Amino acid sequence: MVWLWSAVAVIILAAIVTLITSTRPQWTLIQTETGIRVDLIDRLYAYLKAEGIRTKVTGEGTLRQLHVHTKDEARARQLTQTFNAKL
């Protein structure tokens, strides 16, 4: 009987983990910078956030990557081109 309850608990836990991972938003890499140019990622991040784009920055030290939600990718790429043209 203990094995039955353990199996049920494992199945329920696996179902919860599957639901959580399948509903997570998908992120697309937009830009990567290294060295002294990492501040550009922070400025671009602030610019895209101000325009309503869902973004996140990953990386540490001299490597930064800017990711956007897949639903915002097309608009984010256009805004990134506009931002880079202003530099």
C-alpha atoms as a PDB file:
ATOM      1  CA  MET A   1       0.000   0.000   0.000  1.00  0.00           C
ATOM      2  CA  VAL A   2       2.922   2.343   0.744  1.00  0.00           C
ATOM      3  CA  TRP A   3       4.254   1.743  -2.767  1.00  0.00           C
ATOM      4  CA  LEU A   4       0.914   2.743  -4.247  1.00  0.00           C
ATOM      5  CA  TRP A   5       0.837   6.049  -2.361  1.00  0.00           C
ATOM      6  CA  SER A   6       4.463   6.708  -3.264  1.00  0.00           C
ATOM      7  CA  ALA A   7       3.745   6.072  -6.938  1.00  0.00           C
ATOM      8  CA  VAL A   8       0.738   8.424  -6.839  1.00  0.00           C
ATOM      9  CA  ALA A   9       2.830  11.113  -5.156  1.00  0.00           C
ATOM     10  CA  VAL A  10       5.585  10.790  -7.785  1.00  0.00           C
ATOM     11  CA  ILE A  11       3.062  11.014 -10.621  1.00  0.00           C
ATOM     12  CA  ILE A  12       1.439  14.113  -9.137  1.00  0.00           C
ATOM     13  CA  LEU A  13       4.825  15.741  -8.582  1.00  0.00           C
ATOM     14  CA  ALA A  14       5.882  14.970 -12.160  1.00  0.00           C
ATOM     15  CA  ALA A  15       2.637  16.472 -13.465  1.00  0.00           C
ATOM     16  CA  ILE A  16       3.188  19.671 -11.471  1.00  0.00           C
ATOM     17  CA  VAL A  17       6.772  20.025 -12.710  1.00  0.00           C
ATOM     18  CA  THR A  18       5.647  19.443 -16.299  1.00  0.00           C
ATOM     19  CA  LEU A  19       2.932  22.094 -16.025  1.00  0.00           C
ATOM     20  CA  ILE A  20       5.327  24.635 -14.556  1.00  0.00           C
ATOM     21  CA  THR A  21       7.987  24.109 -17.199  1.00  0.00           C
ATOM     22  CA  SER A  22       5.564  24.063 -20.110  1.00  0.00           C
ATOM     23  CA  THR A  23       3.909  27.349 -19.104  1.00  0.00           C
ATOM     24  CA  ARG A  24       7.178  29.243 -18.674  1.00  0.00           C
ATOM     25  CA  PRO A  25       7.622  32.015 -21.211  1.00  0.00           C
ATOM     26  CA  GLN A  26      10.122  31.309 -23.933  1.00  0.00           C
ATOM     27  CA  TRP A  27      13.002  33.748 -24.352  1.00  0.00           C
ATOM     28  CA  THR A  28      14.970  34.613 -27.492  1.00  0.00           C
ATOM     29  CA  LEU A  29      18.516  35.958 -27.507  1.00  0.00           C
ATOM     30  CA  ILE A  30      18.614  39.388 -29.157  1.00  0.00           C
ATOM     31  CA  GLN A  31      22.107  40.705 -28.477  1.00  0.00           C
ATOM     32  CA  THR A  32      25.351  39.728 -26.750  1.00  0.00           C
ATOM     33  CA  GLU A  33      28.123  42.105 -25.707  1.00  0.00           C
ATOM     34  CA  THR A  34      31.479  41.555 -24.037  1.00  0.00           C
ATOM     35  CA  GLY A  35      34.203  43.673 -22.543  1.00  0.00           C
ATOM     36  CA  ILE A  36      33.696  47.407 -22.355  1.00  0.00           C
ATOM     37  CA  ARG A  37      30.511  47.241 -24.425  1.00  0.00           C
ATOM     38  CA  VAL A  38      28.397  45.525 -21.734  1.00  0.00           C
ATOM     39  CA  ASP A  39      26.925  48.896 -20.768  1.00  0.00           C
ATOM     40  CA  LEU A  40      25.178  48.928 -24.170  1.00  0.00           C
ATOM     41  CA  ILE A  41      23.142  45.903 -23.079  1.00  0.00           C
ATOM     42  CA  ASP A  42      22.019  47.722 -19.937  1.00  0.00           C
ATOM     43  CA  ARG A  43      21.020  50.800 -21.922  1.00  0.00           C
ATOM     44  CA  LEU A  44      19.226  48.710 -24.550  1.00  0.00           C
ATOM     45  CA  TYR A  45      17.474  46.786 -21.761  1.00  0.00           C
ATOM     46  CA  ALA A  46      16.177  50.041 -20.256  1.00  0.00           C
ATOM     47  CA  TYR A  47      15.096  51.309 -23.698  1.00  0.00           C
ATOM     48  CA  LEU A  48      13.160  48.133 -24.528  1.00  0.00           C
ATOM     49  CA  LYS A  49      11.546  48.054 -21.075  1.00  0.00           C
ATOM     50  CA  ALA A  50      10.396  51.646 -21.560  1.00  0.00           C
ATOM     51  CA  GLU A  51       8.803  50.569 -24.850  1.00  0.00           C
ATOM     52  CA  GLY A  52       6.890  47.762 -23.125  1.00  0.00           C
ATOM     53  CA  ILE A  53       9.018  44.827 -24.291  1.00  0.00           C
ATOM     54  CA  ARG A  54       9.453  41.914 -21.867  1.00  0.00           C
ATOM     55  CA  THR A  55      13.222  41.554 -21.474  1.00  0.00           C
ATOM     56  CA  LYS A  56      15.827  39.994 -19.220  1.00  0.00           C
ATOM     57  CA  VAL A  57      19.612  40.199 -18.994  1.00  0.00           C
ATOM     58  CA  THR A  58      21.815  37.194 -18.278  1.00  0.00           C
ATOM     59  CA  GLY A  59      25.552  36.827 -17.864  1.00  0.00           C
ATOM     60  CA  GLU A  60      28.176  38.055 -15.470  1.00  0.00           C
ATOM     61  CA  GLY A  61      31.296  40.145 -15.526  1.00  0.00           C
ATOM     62  CA  THR A  62      32.367  40.961 -19.055  1.00  0.00           C
ATOM     63  CA  LEU A  63      29.624  38.974 -20.829  1.00  0.00           C
ATOM     64  CA  ARG A  64      25.990  40.091 -21.016  1.00  0.00           C
ATOM     65  CA  GLN A  65      23.147  38.706 -23.077  1.00  0.00           C
ATOM     66  CA  LEU A  66      19.803  40.376 -23.692  1.00  0.00           C
ATOM     67  CA  HIS A  67      16.786  38.104 -24.101  1.00  0.00           C
ATOM     68  CA  VAL A  68      13.234  39.063 -25.080  1.00  0.00           C
ATOM     69  CA  HIS A  69       9.991  37.136 -24.893  1.00  0.00           C
ATOM     70  CA  THR A  70       9.308  35.320 -28.160  1.00  0.00           C
ATOM     71  CA  LYS A  71       5.994  37.130 -28.625  1.00  0.00           C
ATOM     72  CA  ASP A  72       7.854  40.469 -28.552  1.00  0.00           C
ATOM     73  CA  GLU A  73      10.762  39.405 -30.760  1.00  0.00           C
ATOM     74  CA  ALA A  74       9.802  41.135 -34.025  1.00  0.00           C
ATOM     75  CA  ARG A  75       9.075  44.460 -32.336  1.00  0.00           C
ATOM     76  CA  ALA A  76      12.199  44.169 -30.178  1.00  0.00           C
ATOM     77  CA  ARG A  77      14.398  43.649 -33.246  1.00  0.00           C
ATOM     78  CA  GLN A  78      12.944  46.786 -34.874  1.00  0.00           C
ATOM     79  CA  LEU A  79      13.481  48.797 -31.705  1.00  0.00           C
ATOM     80  CA  THR A  80      17.021  47.442 -31.386  1.00  0.00           C
ATOM     81  CA  GLN A  81      17.818  48.676 -34.892  1.00  0.00           C
ATOM     82  CA  THR A  82      16.398  52.084 -33.992  1.00  0.00           C
ATOM     83  CA  PHE A  83      18.433  52.150 -30.783  1.00  0.00           C
ATOM     84  CA  ASN A  84      21.663  51.192 -32.586  1.00  0.00           C
ATOM     85  CA  ALA A  85      21.046  53.825 -35.264  1.00  0.00           C
ATOM     86  CA  LYS A  86      20.875  56.508 -32.558  1.00  0.00           C
ATOM     87  CA  LEU A  87      24.321  55.580 -31.207  1.00  0.00           C
END
